[in-house]
């Protein structure tokens, strides 16, 4: 009988698989996709967004993503499953 030996979850986001240099393109895409709604959110939250979207902050977030991916890879390797089922 099969045994579940590990359960894990991770974000499914372009930022998880894109280099940090391409992250600003996601904002450009959001502007095009959401138009006026995006601009409204930018107006409401602009100060906070400006803090969060600096190159330094993006680099920190990228490094955190990379560390988390590495951690998940170690956990899966250590669990050594016979089968890995991925949804998404």
C-alpha atoms as a PDB file:
ATOM      1  CA  UNK A   1       0.000   0.000   0.000  1.00  0.00           C
ATOM      2  CA  UNK A   2       1.228   3.471  -0.849  1.00  0.00           C
ATOM      3  CA  UNK A   3       2.168   5.892   1.877  1.00  0.00           C
ATOM      4  CA  UNK A   4       2.109   9.659   1.707  1.00  0.00           C
ATOM      5  CA  UNK A   5       5.477  10.693   3.122  1.00  0.00           C
ATOM      6  CA  UNK A   6       5.461  14.404   2.358  1.00  0.00           C
ATOM      7  CA  UNK A   7       3.064  17.194   1.539  1.00  0.00           C
ATOM      8  CA  UNK A   8       4.314  20.579   0.372  1.00  0.00           C
ATOM      9  CA  UNK A   9       3.019  23.675  -1.298  1.00  0.00           C
ATOM     10  CA  UNK A  10       4.592  26.539  -3.149  1.00  0.00           C
ATOM     11  CA  UNK A  11       3.500  29.646  -4.990  1.00  0.00           C
ATOM     12  CA  UNK A  12       2.737  29.399  -8.665  1.00  0.00           C
ATOM     13  CA  UNK A  13       3.899  32.805  -9.779  1.00  0.00           C
ATOM     14  CA  UNK A  14       6.002  34.045 -12.672  1.00  0.00           C
ATOM     15  CA  UNK A  15       8.380  35.573 -10.129  1.00  0.00           C
ATOM     16  CA  UNK A  16       9.282  32.100  -8.898  1.00  0.00           C
ATOM     17  CA  UNK A  17      10.686  31.133 -12.281  1.00  0.00           C
ATOM     18  CA  UNK A  18      11.813  34.454 -13.778  1.00  0.00           C
ATOM     19  CA  UNK A  19      15.101  36.231 -13.102  1.00  0.00           C
ATOM     20  CA  UNK A  20      14.686  39.385 -11.051  1.00  0.00           C
ATOM     21  CA  UNK A  21      15.649  41.539 -14.041  1.00  0.00           C
ATOM     22  CA  UNK A  22      12.352  40.558 -15.702  1.00  0.00           C
ATOM     23  CA  UNK A  23      10.118  41.228 -12.705  1.00  0.00           C
ATOM     24  CA  UNK A  24       9.374  44.843 -13.735  1.00  0.00           C
ATOM     25  CA  UNK A  25       7.851  43.452 -16.932  1.00  0.00           C
ATOM     26  CA  UNK A  26       5.156  41.842 -14.776  1.00  0.00           C
ATOM     27  CA  UNK A  27       4.127  45.330 -13.628  1.00  0.00           C
ATOM     28  CA  UNK A  28       4.012  46.467 -17.247  1.00  0.00           C
ATOM     29  CA  UNK A  29       1.801  43.471 -18.027  1.00  0.00           C
ATOM     30  CA  UNK A  30      -0.495  44.310 -15.094  1.00  0.00           C
ATOM     31  CA  UNK A  31      -0.832  47.891 -16.354  1.00  0.00           C
ATOM     32  CA  UNK A  32      -1.910  46.609 -19.751  1.00  0.00           C
ATOM     33  CA  UNK A  33      -4.191  43.901 -18.358  1.00  0.00           C
ATOM     34  CA  UNK A  34      -5.903  45.852 -15.583  1.00  0.00           C
ATOM     35  CA  UNK A  35      -5.677  49.394 -16.936  1.00  0.00           C
ATOM     36  CA  UNK A  36      -7.651  51.864 -14.829  1.00  0.00           C
ATOM     37  CA  UNK A  37      -7.941  49.434 -11.906  1.00  0.00           C
ATOM     38  CA  UNK A  38      -4.146  49.125 -11.759  1.00  0.00           C
ATOM     39  CA  UNK A  39      -3.733  52.895 -11.820  1.00  0.00           C
ATOM     40  CA  UNK A  40      -6.317  53.213  -9.041  1.00  0.00           C
ATOM     41  CA  UNK A  41      -4.416  50.729  -6.873  1.00  0.00           C
ATOM     42  CA  UNK A  42      -1.185  52.545  -7.647  1.00  0.00           C
ATOM     43  CA  UNK A  43      -2.748  55.823  -6.525  1.00  0.00           C
ATOM     44  CA  UNK A  44      -4.129  54.274  -3.323  1.00  0.00           C
ATOM     45  CA  UNK A  45      -0.964  52.363  -2.427  1.00  0.00           C
ATOM     46  CA  UNK A  46       1.739  54.223  -4.315  1.00  0.00           C
ATOM     47  CA  UNK A  47       3.981  55.053  -1.356  1.00  0.00           C
ATOM     48  CA  UNK A  48       4.056  51.466  -0.125  1.00  0.00           C
ATOM     49  CA  UNK A  49       4.540  50.127  -3.645  1.00  0.00           C
ATOM     50  CA  UNK A  50       7.452  52.474  -4.275  1.00  0.00           C
ATOM     51  CA  UNK A  51       9.125  51.061  -1.141  1.00  0.00           C
ATOM     52  CA  UNK A  52       8.458  47.471  -2.210  1.00  0.00           C
ATOM     53  CA  UNK A  53       9.518  47.911  -5.837  1.00  0.00           C
ATOM     54  CA  UNK A  54      13.007  49.309  -5.392  1.00  0.00           C
ATOM     55  CA  UNK A  55      15.776  47.301  -7.076  1.00  0.00           C
ATOM     56  CA  UNK A  56      17.178  46.473  -3.623  1.00  0.00           C
ATOM     57  CA  UNK A  57      13.843  45.171  -2.306  1.00  0.00           C
ATOM     58  CA  UNK A  58      13.234  43.158  -5.487  1.00  0.00           C
ATOM     59  CA  UNK A  59      16.705  41.631  -5.151  1.00  0.00           C
ATOM     60  CA  UNK A  60      15.915  40.658  -1.540  1.00  0.00           C
ATOM     61  CA  UNK A  61      12.663  39.039  -2.593  1.00  0.00           C
ATOM     62  CA  UNK A  62      14.380  37.217  -5.445  1.00  0.00           C
ATOM     63  CA  UNK A  63      17.005  35.846  -3.052  1.00  0.00           C
ATOM     64  CA  UNK A  64      14.250  34.728  -0.665  1.00  0.00           C
ATOM     65  CA  UNK A  65      12.507  32.907  -3.541  1.00  0.00           C
ATOM     66  CA  UNK A  66      15.759  31.207  -4.552  1.00  0.00           C
ATOM     67  CA  UNK A  67      16.472  30.123  -0.970  1.00  0.00           C
ATOM     68  CA  UNK A  68      12.941  28.770  -0.612  1.00  0.00           C
ATOM     69  CA  UNK A  69      13.189  26.793  -3.859  1.00  0.00           C
ATOM     70  CA  UNK A  70      16.526  25.348  -2.695  1.00  0.00           C
ATOM     71  CA  UNK A  71      14.962  24.423   0.652  1.00  0.00           C
ATOM     72  CA  UNK A  72      12.037  22.676  -1.012  1.00  0.00           C
ATOM     73  CA  UNK A  73      14.442  20.769  -3.281  1.00  0.00           C
ATOM     74  CA  UNK A  74      16.428  19.577  -0.235  1.00  0.00           C
ATOM     75  CA  UNK A  75      13.266  18.476   1.558  1.00  0.00           C
ATOM     76  CA  UNK A  76      12.087  16.467  -1.454  1.00  0.00           C
ATOM     77  CA  UNK A  77      15.542  14.905  -1.933  1.00  0.00           C
ATOM     78  CA  UNK A  78      15.715  13.935   1.743  1.00  0.00           C
ATOM     79  CA  UNK A  79      12.229  12.421   1.625  1.00  0.00           C
ATOM     80  CA  UNK A  80      13.349  10.372  -1.407  1.00  0.00           C
ATOM     81  CA  UNK A  81       9.862   9.570  -2.672  1.00  0.00           C
ATOM     82  CA  UNK A  82       9.284   6.755  -5.130  1.00  0.00           C
ATOM     83  CA  UNK A  83       6.678   8.918  -6.846  1.00  0.00           C
ATOM     84  CA  UNK A  84       6.218  12.667  -6.902  1.00  0.00           C
ATOM     85  CA  UNK A  85       2.776  14.006  -7.770  1.00  0.00           C
ATOM     86  CA  UNK A  86       2.606  17.687  -8.720  1.00  0.00           C
ATOM     87  CA  UNK A  87      -0.622  19.637  -9.199  1.00  0.00           C
ATOM     88  CA  UNK A  88      -0.737  23.008 -10.849  1.00  0.00           C
END
